[in-house]
Protein backbone atom coordinates (compact mmCIF):
# COMPACT_ATOMS: atom_id res chain seq x y z
CA MET A 1 19.94 5.82 5.91
CA THR A 2 23.27 4.19 6.55
CA LEU A 3 24.11 0.74 5.32
CA ILE A 4 23.66 -0.69 8.76
CA ALA A 5 20.26 0.99 9.22
CA ALA A 6 19.13 -0.12 5.65
CA ALA A 7 20.25 -3.64 6.63
CA THR A 8 18.44 -3.50 10.02
CA PHE A 9 15.21 -2.09 8.15
CA GLU A 10 15.38 -4.95 5.63
CA HIS A 11 15.81 -7.57 8.33
CA SER A 12 12.93 -6.05 10.31
CA LEU A 13 10.66 -6.78 7.43
CA SER A 14 11.32 -10.48 7.22
CA CYS A 15 8.42 -12.81 8.15
CA LEU A 16 5.99 -9.87 8.51
CA PRO A 17 2.52 -10.01 6.74
CA HIS A 18 2.66 -8.36 3.29
CA PRO A 19 0.31 -5.41 4.31
CA VAL A 20 2.67 -4.63 7.23
CA VAL A 21 5.58 -4.63 4.86
CA ALA A 22 3.75 -2.37 2.51
CA ALA A 23 2.78 -0.08 5.18
CA ARG A 24 6.33 0.19 6.53
CA ILE A 25 7.82 0.91 3.01
CA TYR A 26 5.21 3.48 2.64
CA ARG A 27 6.03 5.19 5.89
CA GLN A 28 9.74 4.99 5.05
CA ARG A 29 9.05 6.86 1.87
CA ARG A 30 7.18 9.63 3.74
CA VAL A 31 10.32 10.00 6.07
CA ARG A 32 12.40 10.45 2.98
CA ASP A 33 9.92 13.13 1.68
CA ARG A 34 10.17 14.97 5.00
CA VAL A 35 13.97 14.79 5.05
CA PHE A 36 14.52 15.78 1.60
CA GLY A 37 11.83 18.60 1.71
CA ALA A 38 11.26 20.47 -1.57
CA GLN A 39 13.74 18.15 -3.32
CA ALA A 40 11.70 15.03 -2.50
CA ASP A 41 9.93 15.07 -5.80
CA THR A 42 13.14 13.93 -7.28
CA PHE A 43 12.20 10.52 -5.97
CA GLY A 44 8.47 10.49 -6.95
CA ASP A 45 6.86 7.37 -7.80
CA PRO A 46 3.15 7.94 -7.39
CA ALA A 47 1.94 4.69 -8.90
CA TRP A 48 4.19 2.71 -6.50
CA ASP A 49 2.66 4.69 -3.61
CA ILE A 50 -0.87 3.93 -4.69
CA LEU A 51 -0.01 0.17 -4.93
CA LEU A 52 1.67 0.28 -1.46
CA ASP A 53 -1.42 2.10 0.12
CA LEU A 54 -3.85 -0.38 -1.50
CA CYS A 55 -1.79 -3.40 -0.34
CA ALA A 56 -1.34 -1.97 3.20
CA SER A 57 -4.98 -2.04 3.79
CA SER A 58 -5.68 -4.44 6.62
CA GLU A 59 -8.39 -6.58 4.70
CA PRO A 60 -7.49 -8.32 1.48
CA ARG A 61 -9.02 -6.59 -1.52
CA LYS A 62 -10.30 -3.82 0.62
CA ARG A 63 -11.75 -0.92 -1.36
CA ILE A 64 -10.17 2.53 -1.06
CA SER A 65 -11.74 5.59 -2.42
CA VAL A 66 -10.20 7.23 -5.50
CA SER A 67 -9.59 10.37 -3.52
CA SER A 68 -7.77 8.37 -0.82
CA ALA A 69 -5.61 6.72 -3.36
CA CYS A 70 -4.87 10.17 -4.82
CA ILE A 71 -3.78 11.59 -1.56
CA ALA A 72 -1.48 8.39 -1.08
CA ALA A 73 0.18 9.26 -4.32
CA ARG A 74 1.52 12.48 -2.75
CA VAL A 75 1.15 14.37 -6.11
CA PRO A 76 -1.44 16.68 -7.56
CA PRO A 77 -4.86 15.06 -8.07
CA ALA A 78 -4.59 15.16 -11.94
CA THR A 79 -1.28 13.50 -11.72
CA ALA A 80 -2.58 10.87 -9.32
CA LEU A 81 -5.69 10.19 -11.52
CA ARG A 82 -3.40 9.70 -14.59
CA HIS A 83 -1.33 7.24 -12.67
CA LEU A 84 -4.35 5.50 -11.31
CA ALA A 85 -5.83 5.19 -14.87
CA ARG A 86 -2.71 3.60 -16.01
CA LEU A 87 -2.69 1.12 -13.01
CA VAL A 88 -6.37 0.18 -14.01
CA GLU A 89 -5.28 -0.15 -17.72
CA GLN A 90 -2.61 -2.59 -16.90
CA GLY A 91 -4.90 -4.58 -14.71
CA PHE A 92 -3.25 -4.03 -11.47
CA VAL A 93 -6.24 -2.03 -9.94
CA GLU A 94 -9.86 -2.01 -10.49
CA ARG A 95 -12.52 0.59 -10.09
CA LEU A 96 -15.79 -0.17 -8.24
CA ALA A 97 -18.84 2.06 -7.85
CA ASP A 98 -20.22 2.75 -4.43
CA ASN A 99 -23.69 1.16 -4.19
CA VAL A 100 -24.80 3.73 -1.67
CA ASP A 101 -23.31 6.91 -3.04
CA ARG A 102 -23.19 6.80 -6.84
CA ARG A 103 -20.77 9.87 -6.97
CA ARG A 104 -18.01 7.84 -5.11
CA VAL A 105 -15.81 5.31 -6.68
CA PHE A 106 -13.51 2.88 -4.99
CA VAL A 107 -10.37 1.12 -6.14
CA GLN A 108 -8.80 -2.12 -5.00
CA LEU A 109 -5.99 -4.32 -6.22
CA THR A 110 -7.07 -6.90 -8.70
CA LYS A 111 -6.22 -10.50 -7.96
CA HIS A 112 -3.33 -10.09 -10.41
CA GLY A 113 -2.19 -6.85 -8.69
CA GLN A 114 -2.48 -8.49 -5.32
CA ALA A 115 -0.40 -11.53 -6.40
CA LEU A 116 2.27 -9.28 -7.94
CA MET A 117 2.51 -7.08 -4.84
CA GLN A 118 2.73 -10.22 -2.57
CA GLU A 119 5.54 -11.54 -4.70
CA CYS A 120 7.38 -8.18 -4.75
CA LEU A 121 6.92 -7.61 -1.12
CA ALA A 122 7.90 -11.13 -0.17
CA ASP A 123 11.10 -10.70 -2.22
CA ILE A 124 11.73 -7.30 -0.44
CA SER A 125 11.14 -8.66 3.00
CA GLY A 126 13.27 -11.85 2.29
CA ASP A 127 10.29 -14.07 3.00
CA ALA A 128 10.84 -17.47 1.19
CA CYS A 129 7.32 -18.77 2.01
CA ARG A 130 5.39 -17.28 -0.91
């Protein structure tokens, strides 16, 4: 991405709702993965991808299945589960059992995780109205 394109990208993020900013950043990272191909793992940050995916959900504190969060991390499942466990340990994400299907577990941002993501994305997007 050229400096002009990067500036345009950042400017296009200002004044957008935080889930939209998170979704755009996540998509931009997938473009980077596609362009760099096999070398894209050099830039890996699975925990950040999980947080972006959870933040990008259209409803506040929407629950996402563990398997979906692992897919969002774009790494092998064992690696994604390790990163997810660390996010839970640090209080950014919480696990919730599915009341209908006991085999399934959901994850969502905690209030603390949501507040931190909003602060971070507001700063990234240049939104001064936190």
